[in-house]
């Protein structure tokens, strides 16, 4: 191949090189087949950059008009699936720039004035991730609403509350669902906090040291909506940091990991509750699978797979942290490896939130106009399980404290009562009054109200407690917050 032939086929930096890149290296270093999803962000960022260049008299008004026209055509081609993505052009940025130059000539070449792919890609990823965070935040709201609907239908259903997976105290099933609403509300808060730090402009930092062109970076930030709550432009202040750090991606993946951990905890409970040993719930057939050899089986594949995907997302977090930990300033090719784990984290989290929202909230039955839930609750099985575990033992201790007994003495007294109930294979509430009075003479007939599951539930009528009255208050607060 002659030098002239090489120049015609080469990449943006090839005038320095005497031979073309090998096909193996092209495949190894290319990102175009996974970073295509950044195309809208790339065009949006480029148009804002071009508009600023024209405003600063760095390019002409005609150049700007040509760039806008060319980018509009490229957008149409990509949306129609007619854009020719080339491996030789390595990534989404060079592919779009090459097509732009092909369409409009030298104006396309002038677009790259005052920027580098280093600040360009950092901007594109931030723009793309910002919009994905907005989608994820909306999905988190949907999931919370689905959980609230489940809670509202089951405020009066008694569930055995567990510690160490041992029956501890009775709780409202609605109250239990609200625990996850709280978790996902914090996940939403974290996403919004991450978004604020994602929403800062690296463009104009150029390769690493800034640029000699008179750029108006704040104008670009404002045009791209990279502003704070007061509407002030948010611009990365150090050119070295702007192009080389990916802490915004790490922070997002950390927030996503926490969200997936919350989903995984709920998944574990759904799997347990669906098993024959518990029998607390049924998951609709559309969210389960069968066995290839055991026809009686219904497997909770959705929550099981969500548990597995949690490990996948947490793994991406570890990968991104490891990717960043050894890099000197400024940009290094290592950072190409930030995209696939980030993209997969976003996809996995969105898919999981969607399916859990539908599984919990159900779907609208067009025949009846009512929502058909994906989870059905066996209230009787839950209540029976609560009775098997002496869940009101603490209530008996509290009863004795109100009679004047110190709590530690009451605790010891109740332990003896539980031991007697175990021996006779009855619940505490089934022990005769005379037997109970044998443990403490101050016990009276009203003790049975305290020992009932319903009485135990109603007694916890404090802020954050499981009493149905409190649960109704919390549900109303959450619905108002999400309205």
Protein backbone atom coordinates (compact mmCIF):
# COMPACT_ATOMS: atom_id res chain seq x y z
CA UNK A 1 0.00 0.00 0.00
CA UNK A 2 1.41 3.43 -0.94
CA UNK A 3 1.53 6.31 1.51
CA UNK A 4 -1.19 8.13 -0.43
CA UNK A 5 -3.43 5.07 -0.33
CA UNK A 6 -2.87 4.77 3.39
CA UNK A 7 -3.73 8.45 3.97
CA UNK A 8 -7.05 8.05 2.18
CA UNK A 9 -8.10 5.09 4.31
CA UNK A 10 -6.65 6.16 7.61
CA UNK A 11 -7.94 7.54 10.87
CA UNK A 12 -7.80 11.07 12.25
CA UNK A 13 -4.22 10.78 13.50
CA UNK A 14 -2.72 8.65 10.73
CA UNK A 15 -0.46 11.23 9.02
CA UNK A 16 2.08 10.41 11.70
CA UNK A 17 2.00 6.67 11.01
CA UNK A 18 3.69 4.68 8.28
CA UNK A 19 1.45 1.64 8.26
CA UNK A 20 -2.25 0.99 8.87
CA UNK A 21 -3.59 -0.46 12.09
CA UNK A 22 -3.90 -4.24 12.02
CA UNK A 23 -7.39 -5.72 11.82
CA UNK A 24 -6.85 -7.43 15.17
CA UNK A 25 -6.02 -4.12 16.86
CA UNK A 26 -9.01 -2.48 15.16
CA UNK A 27 -11.34 -5.05 16.66
CA UNK A 28 -9.62 -4.94 20.03
CA UNK A 29 -9.70 -1.16 20.39
CA UNK A 30 -13.02 -0.43 18.70
CA UNK A 31 -16.06 0.58 20.73
CA UNK A 32 -18.43 1.48 17.92
CA UNK A 33 -20.58 -1.62 18.27
CA UNK A 34 -21.49 -0.86 21.88
CA UNK A 35 -21.16 2.93 22.15
CA UNK A 36 -23.62 3.57 19.31
CA UNK A 37 -26.24 4.21 21.98
CA UNK A 38 -24.48 7.50 22.69
CA UNK A 39 -25.34 8.88 19.25
CA UNK A 40 -28.12 11.23 20.39
CA UNK A 41 -25.97 12.61 23.19
CA UNK A 42 -23.06 13.00 20.77
CA UNK A 43 -25.14 14.98 18.27
CA UNK A 44 -26.77 17.07 21.01
CA UNK A 45 -23.38 17.95 22.49
CA UNK A 46 -21.90 18.70 19.07
CA UNK A 47 -24.74 21.03 18.14
CA UNK A 48 -24.35 22.97 21.39
CA UNK A 49 -20.59 23.17 20.80
CA UNK A 50 -21.10 24.34 17.20
CA UNK A 51 -23.58 27.01 18.26
CA UNK A 52 -21.08 28.34 20.80
CA UNK A 53 -18.24 28.31 18.23
CA UNK A 54 -20.38 30.42 15.90
CA UNK A 55 -21.36 32.81 18.70
CA UNK A 56 -17.67 33.24 19.52
CA UNK A 57 -16.82 33.86 15.81
CA UNK A 58 -14.62 30.75 15.75
CA UNK A 59 -16.68 29.27 12.90
CA UNK A 60 -19.00 31.08 10.49
CA UNK A 61 -22.77 31.25 10.59
CA UNK A 62 -22.79 29.27 7.34
CA UNK A 63 -20.65 26.54 8.94
CA UNK A 64 -23.14 26.35 11.80
CA UNK A 65 -26.09 26.09 9.41
CA UNK A 66 -24.31 23.33 7.46
CA UNK A 67 -23.49 21.43 10.66
CA UNK A 68 -27.10 21.65 11.83
CA UNK A 69 -28.36 20.45 8.45
CA UNK A 70 -25.87 17.57 8.34
CA UNK A 71 -26.63 16.48 11.89
CA UNK A 72 -30.36 16.47 11.13
CA UNK A 73 -29.75 14.11 8.20
CA UNK A 74 -27.49 11.86 10.30
CA UNK A 75 -30.17 11.66 12.99
CA UNK A 76 -32.71 10.58 10.38
CA UNK A 77 -30.35 7.95 9.00
CA UNK A 78 -29.61 6.48 12.42
CA UNK A 79 -33.28 6.42 13.43
CA UNK A 80 -34.16 4.71 10.16
CA UNK A 81 -31.40 2.13 10.62
CA UNK A 82 -29.68 3.34 7.46
CA UNK A 83 -26.47 4.69 8.99
CA UNK A 84 -23.34 2.79 7.96
CA UNK A 85 -21.36 2.19 11.16
CA UNK A 86 -17.72 1.49 10.26
CA UNK A 87 -15.29 -0.49 12.39
CA UNK A 88 -12.40 1.44 10.81
CA UNK A 89 -13.74 4.61 12.42
CA UNK A 90 -13.47 3.05 15.87
CA UNK A 91 -16.27 4.75 17.82
CA UNK A 92 -19.56 6.61 17.64
CA UNK A 93 -17.84 10.01 17.62
CA UNK A 94 -15.57 9.44 14.60
CA UNK A 95 -18.36 7.68 12.71
CA UNK A 96 -20.67 10.66 13.07
CA UNK A 97 -17.92 13.19 12.33
CA UNK A 98 -16.84 11.31 9.20
CA UNK A 99 -20.40 11.14 7.88
CA UNK A 100 -20.91 14.83 8.69
CA UNK A 101 -17.79 15.76 6.74
CA UNK A 102 -18.94 13.58 3.86
CA UNK A 103 -22.26 15.43 3.81
CA UNK A 104 -21.14 19.05 4.31
CA UNK A 105 -17.42 19.16 3.58
CA UNK A 106 -14.98 21.36 5.48
CA UNK A 107 -17.62 22.66 7.91
CA UNK A 108 -17.75 19.15 9.34
CA UNK A 109 -14.01 19.24 9.95
CA UNK A 110 -14.29 22.60 11.74
CA UNK A 111 -16.74 21.16 14.30
CA UNK A 112 -13.90 19.59 16.26
CA UNK A 113 -12.27 22.97 16.88
CA UNK A 114 -11.61 23.54 20.56
CA UNK A 115 -12.45 20.03 21.71
CA UNK A 116 -10.95 16.54 21.88
CA UNK A 117 -12.55 13.14 21.90
CA UNK A 118 -11.49 13.06 25.56
CA UNK A 119 -13.85 15.83 26.64
CA UNK A 120 -16.36 14.86 23.96
CA UNK A 121 -16.87 11.32 25.24
CA UNK A 122 -16.98 12.46 28.87
CA UNK A 123 -19.75 14.88 27.89
CA UNK A 124 -21.66 12.30 25.86
CA UNK A 125 -21.65 9.74 28.66
CA UNK A 126 -22.83 12.34 31.16
CA UNK A 127 -25.66 13.49 28.87
CA UNK A 128 -26.73 9.91 28.19
CA UNK A 129 -26.55 8.88 31.85
CA UNK A 130 -28.51 11.94 32.95
CA UNK A 131 -31.48 10.92 30.80
CA UNK A 132 -31.22 7.31 31.97
CA UNK A 133 -31.26 8.43 35.62
CA UNK A 134 -34.48 10.33 34.87
CA UNK A 135 -36.03 7.15 33.47
CA UNK A 136 -34.81 5.10 36.44
CA UNK A 137 -36.21 7.65 38.88
CA UNK A 138 -39.62 7.40 37.20
CA UNK A 139 -39.46 3.58 37.36
CA UNK A 140 -38.62 3.79 41.07
CA UNK A 141 -41.73 5.90 41.58
CA UNK A 142 -43.80 3.28 39.73
CA UNK A 143 -42.40 0.52 41.91
CA UNK A 144 -43.16 2.45 45.09
CA UNK A 145 -46.74 2.99 43.92
CA UNK A 146 -47.11 -0.72 43.20
CA UNK A 147 -45.88 -1.54 46.70
CA UNK A 148 -48.26 1.02 48.18
CA UNK A 149 -51.18 -0.60 46.37
CA UNK A 150 -50.21 -3.98 47.86
CA UNK A 151 -49.81 -2.40 51.29
CA UNK A 152 -53.17 -0.65 51.09
CA UNK A 153 -54.99 -3.90 50.32
CA UNK A 154 -53.32 -5.77 53.19
CA UNK A 155 -53.07 -3.35 56.11
CA UNK A 156 -55.06 -5.68 58.37
CA UNK A 157 -53.31 -8.89 57.30
CA UNK A 158 -51.10 -10.25 60.10
CA UNK A 159 -47.64 -11.44 59.08
CA UNK A 160 -45.08 -12.98 61.43
CA UNK A 161 -42.23 -10.49 61.66
CA UNK A 162 -38.86 -12.22 61.71
CA UNK A 163 -35.45 -11.58 63.20
CA UNK A 164 -32.74 -14.15 62.46
CA UNK A 165 -35.50 -15.75 60.32
CA UNK A 166 -37.21 -16.73 63.59
CA UNK A 167 -40.74 -15.59 64.40
CA UNK A 168 -40.34 -12.43 66.46
CA UNK A 169 -43.46 -10.25 66.61
CA UNK A 170 -46.63 -9.90 64.53
CA UNK A 171 -46.64 -7.08 61.97
CA UNK A 172 -49.08 -5.79 59.42
CA UNK A 173 -48.28 -7.13 55.96
CA UNK A 174 -48.91 -3.61 54.71
CA UNK A 175 -46.31 -2.34 57.19
CA UNK A 176 -43.84 -4.89 55.84
CA UNK A 177 -44.39 -3.63 52.29
CA UNK A 178 -43.82 -0.05 53.46
CA UNK A 179 -40.32 -1.01 54.57
CA UNK A 180 -39.45 -1.51 50.90
CA UNK A 181 -41.19 1.73 49.95
CA UNK A 182 -38.80 3.47 52.35
CA UNK A 183 -35.80 1.72 50.79
CA UNK A 184 -36.78 2.62 47.25
CA UNK A 185 -37.57 6.20 48.26
CA UNK A 186 -33.98 6.52 49.48
CA UNK A 187 -32.80 4.96 46.22
CA UNK A 188 -34.71 7.68 44.38
CA UNK A 189 -33.07 10.35 46.54
CA UNK A 190 -29.64 8.88 45.81
CA UNK A 191 -30.33 8.87 42.08
CA UNK A 192 -31.24 12.54 42.19
CA UNK A 193 -28.12 13.37 44.17
CA UNK A 194 -25.99 11.45 41.67
CA UNK A 195 -27.75 13.22 38.80
CA UNK A 196 -26.67 16.60 40.15
CA UNK A 197 -23.02 15.55 39.97
CA UNK A 198 -23.43 13.83 36.59
CA UNK A 199 -24.94 17.04 35.22
CA UNK A 200 -21.65 18.96 34.88
CA UNK A 201 -19.97 19.89 31.61
CA UNK A 202 -16.48 18.58 30.69
CA UNK A 203 -16.64 19.92 27.12
CA UNK A 204 -14.02 22.59 26.50
CA UNK A 205 -11.42 20.84 28.63
CA UNK A 206 -10.11 19.51 25.28
CA UNK A 207 -7.50 16.74 25.51
CA UNK A 208 -6.28 17.58 29.02
CA UNK A 209 -5.08 21.19 29.32
CA UNK A 210 -7.95 23.29 28.00
CA UNK A 211 -7.75 25.12 24.68
CA UNK A 212 -6.38 28.35 23.23
CA UNK A 213 -9.70 29.12 21.49
CA UNK A 214 -11.98 31.64 23.27
CA UNK A 215 -14.69 29.14 24.21
CA UNK A 216 -17.75 30.04 26.26
CA UNK A 217 -18.13 26.84 28.24
CA UNK A 218 -20.91 28.22 30.43
CA UNK A 219 -22.99 28.95 27.32
CA UNK A 220 -22.66 25.29 26.27
CA UNK A 221 -23.55 24.07 29.76
CA UNK A 222 -26.69 26.22 29.79
CA UNK A 223 -27.68 25.06 26.31
CA UNK A 224 -27.34 21.43 27.40
CA UNK A 225 -29.30 21.94 30.61
CA UNK A 226 -26.22 21.34 32.71
CA UNK A 227 -27.35 23.80 35.37
CA UNK A 228 -27.99 23.70 39.10
CA UNK A 229 -31.28 24.25 40.91
CA UNK A 230 -30.82 28.01 40.57
CA UNK A 231 -30.29 27.72 36.82
CA UNK A 232 -26.58 28.48 36.99
CA UNK A 233 -24.28 26.61 34.56
CA UNK A 234 -22.34 23.69 36.03
CA UNK A 235 -18.91 23.34 34.38
CA UNK A 236 -16.09 21.00 35.36
CA UNK A 237 -13.47 23.40 36.73
CA UNK A 238 -10.25 21.48 36.10
CA UNK A 239 -9.43 20.28 32.61
CA UNK A 240 -7.35 17.31 33.80
CA UNK A 241 -10.10 16.06 36.10
CA UNK A 242 -12.83 16.77 33.55
CA UNK A 243 -11.51 14.36 30.93
CA UNK A 244 -10.05 11.61 33.10
CA UNK A 245 -12.27 10.85 36.08
CA UNK A 246 -15.26 8.56 35.95
CA UNK A 247 -16.37 8.92 39.54
CA UNK A 248 -19.83 9.97 38.32
CA UNK A 249 -20.20 6.57 36.63
CA UNK A 250 -18.88 4.79 39.71
CA UNK A 251 -21.23 6.73 41.96
CA UNK A 252 -24.20 5.89 39.75
CA UNK A 253 -23.27 2.21 39.72
CA UNK A 254 -22.95 2.29 43.53
CA UNK A 255 -26.46 3.76 43.79
CA UNK A 256 -27.72 1.16 41.30
CA UNK A 257 -26.06 -1.60 43.32
CA UNK A 258 -27.83 -0.48 46.49
CA UNK A 259 -31.13 -0.41 44.64
CA UNK A 260 -30.52 -3.93 43.33
CA UNK A 261 -29.59 -5.08 46.85
CA UNK A 262 -32.98 -3.85 48.05
CA UNK A 263 -34.66 -5.73 45.21
CA UNK A 264 -32.61 -8.80 46.07
CA UNK A 265 -33.72 -8.69 49.72
CA UNK A 266 -37.35 -8.49 48.62
CA UNK A 267 -36.72 -11.28 46.12
CA UNK A 268 -35.39 -13.52 48.85
CA UNK A 269 -38.57 -13.01 50.86
CA UNK A 270 -40.80 -13.64 47.85
CA UNK A 271 -38.96 -16.90 47.14
CA UNK A 272 -39.29 -18.02 50.76
CA UNK A 273 -42.92 -16.96 51.06
CA UNK A 274 -43.86 -18.79 47.85
CA UNK A 275 -42.31 -22.08 49.00
CA UNK A 276 -44.57 -24.79 50.38
CA UNK A 277 -42.84 -24.48 53.77
CA UNK A 278 -44.26 -20.96 54.08
CA UNK A 279 -47.17 -20.79 51.65
CA UNK A 280 -47.69 -17.09 52.35
CA UNK A 281 -48.09 -15.94 48.75
CA UNK A 282 -48.63 -17.06 45.19
CA UNK A 283 -46.94 -15.39 42.26
CA UNK A 284 -49.01 -15.20 39.08
CA UNK A 285 -48.21 -17.79 36.44
CA UNK A 286 -47.00 -15.14 34.00
CA UNK A 287 -44.06 -14.46 36.33
CA UNK A 288 -43.15 -18.11 37.00
CA UNK A 289 -41.86 -21.12 35.09
CA UNK A 290 -42.27 -24.87 35.35
CA UNK A 291 -39.92 -27.82 35.61
CA UNK A 292 -38.88 -29.94 32.64
CA UNK A 293 -39.35 -33.18 34.64
CA UNK A 294 -41.48 -32.25 37.70
CA UNK A 295 -44.95 -31.23 36.53
CA UNK A 296 -46.05 -30.03 39.99
CA UNK A 297 -43.46 -27.24 40.12
CA UNK A 298 -43.96 -23.49 39.81
CA UNK A 299 -40.64 -21.74 40.13
CA UNK A 300 -40.23 -18.08 41.15
CA UNK A 301 -37.78 -17.34 38.35
CA UNK A 302 -38.25 -13.56 38.33
CA UNK A 303 -37.18 -12.93 41.95
CA UNK A 304 -34.50 -15.63 41.70
CA UNK A 305 -33.01 -14.05 38.60
CA UNK A 306 -33.17 -10.61 40.20
CA UNK A 307 -31.04 -11.96 43.05
CA UNK A 308 -28.54 -13.20 40.49
CA UNK A 309 -28.55 -9.95 38.53
CA UNK A 310 -27.77 -8.09 41.74
CA UNK A 311 -24.41 -9.85 41.80
CA UNK A 312 -23.89 -8.80 38.22
CA UNK A 313 -24.48 -5.11 39.00
CA UNK A 314 -22.33 -5.18 42.13
CA UNK A 315 -19.64 -6.83 40.00
CA UNK A 316 -19.80 -3.91 37.57
CA UNK A 317 -19.26 -1.54 40.50
CA UNK A 318 -16.15 -3.44 41.54
CA UNK A 319 -14.96 -3.47 37.93
CA UNK A 320 -15.32 0.30 37.53
CA UNK A 321 -13.56 1.02 40.82
CA UNK A 322 -10.71 -1.27 39.82
CA UNK A 323 -10.61 0.33 36.35
CA UNK A 324 -10.07 3.77 37.87
CA UNK A 325 -7.81 3.01 40.82
CA UNK A 326 -4.49 2.73 38.96
CA UNK A 327 -4.83 5.46 36.36
CA UNK A 328 -2.51 8.46 36.38
CA UNK A 329 -3.81 11.80 35.11
CA UNK A 330 -5.13 12.47 32.56
CA UNK A 331 -7.10 10.41 30.02
CA UNK A 332 -6.09 6.79 29.40
CA UNK A 333 -7.51 4.23 26.97
CA UNK A 334 -8.52 2.17 30.02
CA UNK A 335 -11.56 4.43 30.24
CA UNK A 336 -13.07 2.89 27.13
CA UNK A 337 -13.86 -0.01 29.46
CA UNK A 338 -16.23 2.15 31.52
CA UNK A 339 -19.05 1.95 29.00
CA UNK A 340 -20.07 -1.70 28.82
CA UNK A 341 -20.43 -2.15 32.61
CA UNK A 342 -22.21 1.20 32.87
CA UNK A 343 -24.55 0.41 29.97
CA UNK A 344 -25.32 -3.05 31.35
CA UNK A 345 -25.96 -1.67 34.83
CA UNK A 346 -28.50 0.79 33.43
CA UNK A 347 -30.21 -1.88 31.30
CA UNK A 348 -30.33 -4.41 34.12
CA UNK A 349 -31.71 -1.95 36.66
CA UNK A 350 -34.38 -0.59 34.31
CA UNK A 351 -35.56 -4.06 33.26
CA UNK A 352 -35.68 -5.25 36.88
CA UNK A 353 -37.62 -2.22 38.10
CA UNK A 354 -40.14 -2.58 35.26
CA UNK A 355 -40.83 -6.25 35.86
CA UNK A 356 -41.08 -5.90 39.65
CA UNK A 357 -43.45 -2.98 39.33
CA UNK A 358 -45.72 -5.04 37.09
CA UNK A 359 -45.36 -8.19 39.20
CA UNK A 360 -46.32 -6.38 42.40
CA UNK A 361 -48.82 -3.89 41.00
CA UNK A 362 -50.41 -6.24 38.52
CA UNK A 363 -51.95 -5.37 35.19
CA UNK A 364 -55.28 -3.95 34.12
CA UNK A 365 -57.90 -6.53 33.14
CA UNK A 366 -59.74 -4.98 30.16
CA UNK A 367 -62.78 -7.16 30.82
CA UNK A 368 -63.35 -6.00 34.40
CA UNK A 369 -61.47 -2.68 34.39
CA UNK A 370 -59.69 -3.79 37.56
CA UNK A 371 -56.04 -4.41 38.24
CA UNK A 372 -55.08 -8.05 38.37
CA UNK A 373 -52.28 -8.37 40.91
CA UNK A 374 -49.19 -10.44 40.27
CA UNK A 375 -48.98 -11.40 43.94
CA UNK A 376 -51.82 -13.01 45.91
CA UNK A 377 -51.59 -13.21 49.69
CA UNK A 378 -52.62 -16.17 51.87
CA UNK A 379 -53.62 -14.25 55.01
CA UNK A 380 -54.66 -17.37 56.92
CA UNK A 381 -51.27 -19.03 56.42
CA UNK A 382 -49.49 -15.89 57.59
CA UNK A 383 -51.61 -15.65 60.74
CA UNK A 384 -51.15 -19.33 61.55
CA UNK A 385 -47.39 -18.94 61.20
CA UNK A 386 -47.46 -16.00 63.62
CA UNK A 387 -49.30 -18.14 66.17
CA UNK A 388 -46.67 -20.88 65.96
CA UNK A 389 -43.81 -18.69 67.06
CA UNK A 390 -45.02 -17.15 70.35
CA UNK A 391 -44.97 -13.79 68.61
CA UNK A 392 -46.76 -12.01 71.49
CA UNK A 393 -44.19 -12.91 74.17
CA UNK A 394 -42.90 -9.34 74.23
CA UNK A 395 -46.47 -8.13 74.66
CA UNK A 396 -46.77 -10.21 77.83
CA UNK A 397 -43.53 -8.68 79.09
CA UNK A 398 -44.87 -5.20 78.33
CA UNK A 399 -48.09 -6.09 80.13
CA UNK A 400 -46.13 -7.02 83.27
CA UNK A 401 -44.05 -3.85 83.05
CA UNK A 402 -47.26 -1.81 83.07
CA UNK A 403 -48.18 -3.72 86.22
CA UNK A 404 -44.99 -2.43 87.85
CA UNK A 405 -42.50 -5.23 87.18
CA UNK A 406 -39.03 -4.15 85.94
CA UNK A 407 -38.55 -5.13 82.31
CA UNK A 408 -35.66 -7.52 82.95
CA UNK A 409 -37.74 -9.38 85.56
CA UNK A 410 -40.71 -9.38 83.21
CA UNK A 411 -38.49 -10.80 80.45
CA UNK A 412 -37.43 -13.67 82.73
CA UNK A 413 -41.00 -14.35 83.82
CA UNK A 414 -42.24 -14.53 80.23
CA UNK A 415 -39.41 -16.93 79.31
CA UNK A 416 -40.81 -19.37 81.90
CA UNK A 417 -44.32 -18.89 80.50
CA UNK A 418 -43.10 -19.60 76.95
CA UNK A 419 -41.34 -22.71 78.18
CA UNK A 420 -44.61 -23.94 79.72
CA UNK A 421 -46.49 -23.20 76.47
CA UNK A 422 -43.89 -25.15 74.48
CA UNK A 423 -44.23 -28.08 76.88
CA UNK A 424 -48.01 -28.12 76.46
CA UNK A 425 -47.77 -27.36 72.72
CA UNK A 426 -50.09 -24.37 72.92
CA UNK A 427 -49.81 -20.65 72.22
CA UNK A 428 -49.33 -18.24 75.11
CA UNK A 429 -52.86 -17.01 74.57
CA UNK A 430 -54.11 -20.57 75.11
CA UNK A 431 -52.58 -20.98 78.57
CA UNK A 432 -55.29 -20.89 81.28
CA UNK A 433 -55.42 -17.76 83.41
CA UNK A 434 -54.53 -19.77 86.52
CA UNK A 435 -51.35 -21.03 84.85
CA UNK A 436 -50.37 -17.52 83.82
CA UNK A 437 -51.06 -16.20 87.30
CA UNK A 438 -48.70 -18.83 88.62
CA UNK A 439 -45.86 -16.93 86.92
CA UNK A 440 -47.01 -13.57 88.30
CA UNK A 441 -49.96 -12.81 90.50
CA UNK A 442 -50.68 -9.43 88.92
CA UNK A 443 -51.83 -11.04 85.68
CA UNK A 444 -55.56 -10.55 85.13
CA UNK A 445 -58.11 -11.54 82.53
CA UNK A 446 -57.28 -8.55 80.34
CA UNK A 447 -53.96 -10.23 79.56
CA UNK A 448 -55.61 -12.13 76.71
CA UNK A 449 -56.17 -8.92 74.76
CA UNK A 450 -52.44 -8.22 75.00
CA UNK A 451 -51.64 -11.80 73.99
CA UNK A 452 -53.80 -11.75 70.86
CA UNK A 453 -52.13 -11.08 67.52
CA UNK A 454 -54.57 -8.30 66.74
CA UNK A 455 -54.06 -6.73 70.17
CA UNK A 456 -50.30 -6.85 69.70
CA UNK A 457 -50.64 -5.13 66.33
CA UNK A 458 -52.96 -2.39 67.59
CA UNK A 459 -50.75 -1.71 70.62
CA UNK A 460 -47.87 -0.46 68.46
CA UNK A 461 -49.61 2.77 67.57
CA UNK A 462 -46.58 5.06 67.53
CA UNK A 463 -44.91 6.86 64.64
CA UNK A 464 -43.36 4.21 62.41
CA UNK A 465 -45.17 1.40 64.23
CA UNK A 466 -47.08 -1.49 62.74
CA UNK A 467 -50.55 -0.63 64.10
CA UNK A 468 -53.02 -0.47 61.19
CA UNK A 469 -53.90 3.12 62.11
CA UNK A 470 -50.24 4.10 61.70
CA UNK A 471 -49.88 2.11 58.48
CA UNK A 472 -52.83 3.95 56.94
CA UNK A 473 -51.21 7.27 57.87
CA UNK A 474 -47.91 6.26 56.29
CA UNK A 475 -49.57 5.01 53.11
CA UNK A 476 -51.37 8.34 52.73
CA UNK A 477 -48.10 10.24 53.26
CA UNK A 478 -46.30 8.18 50.64
CA UNK A 479 -49.09 8.55 48.07
CA UNK A 480 -49.03 12.32 48.64
CA UNK A 481 -45.24 12.38 48.25
CA UNK A 482 -45.42 10.49 44.96
CA UNK A 483 -48.40 12.38 43.52
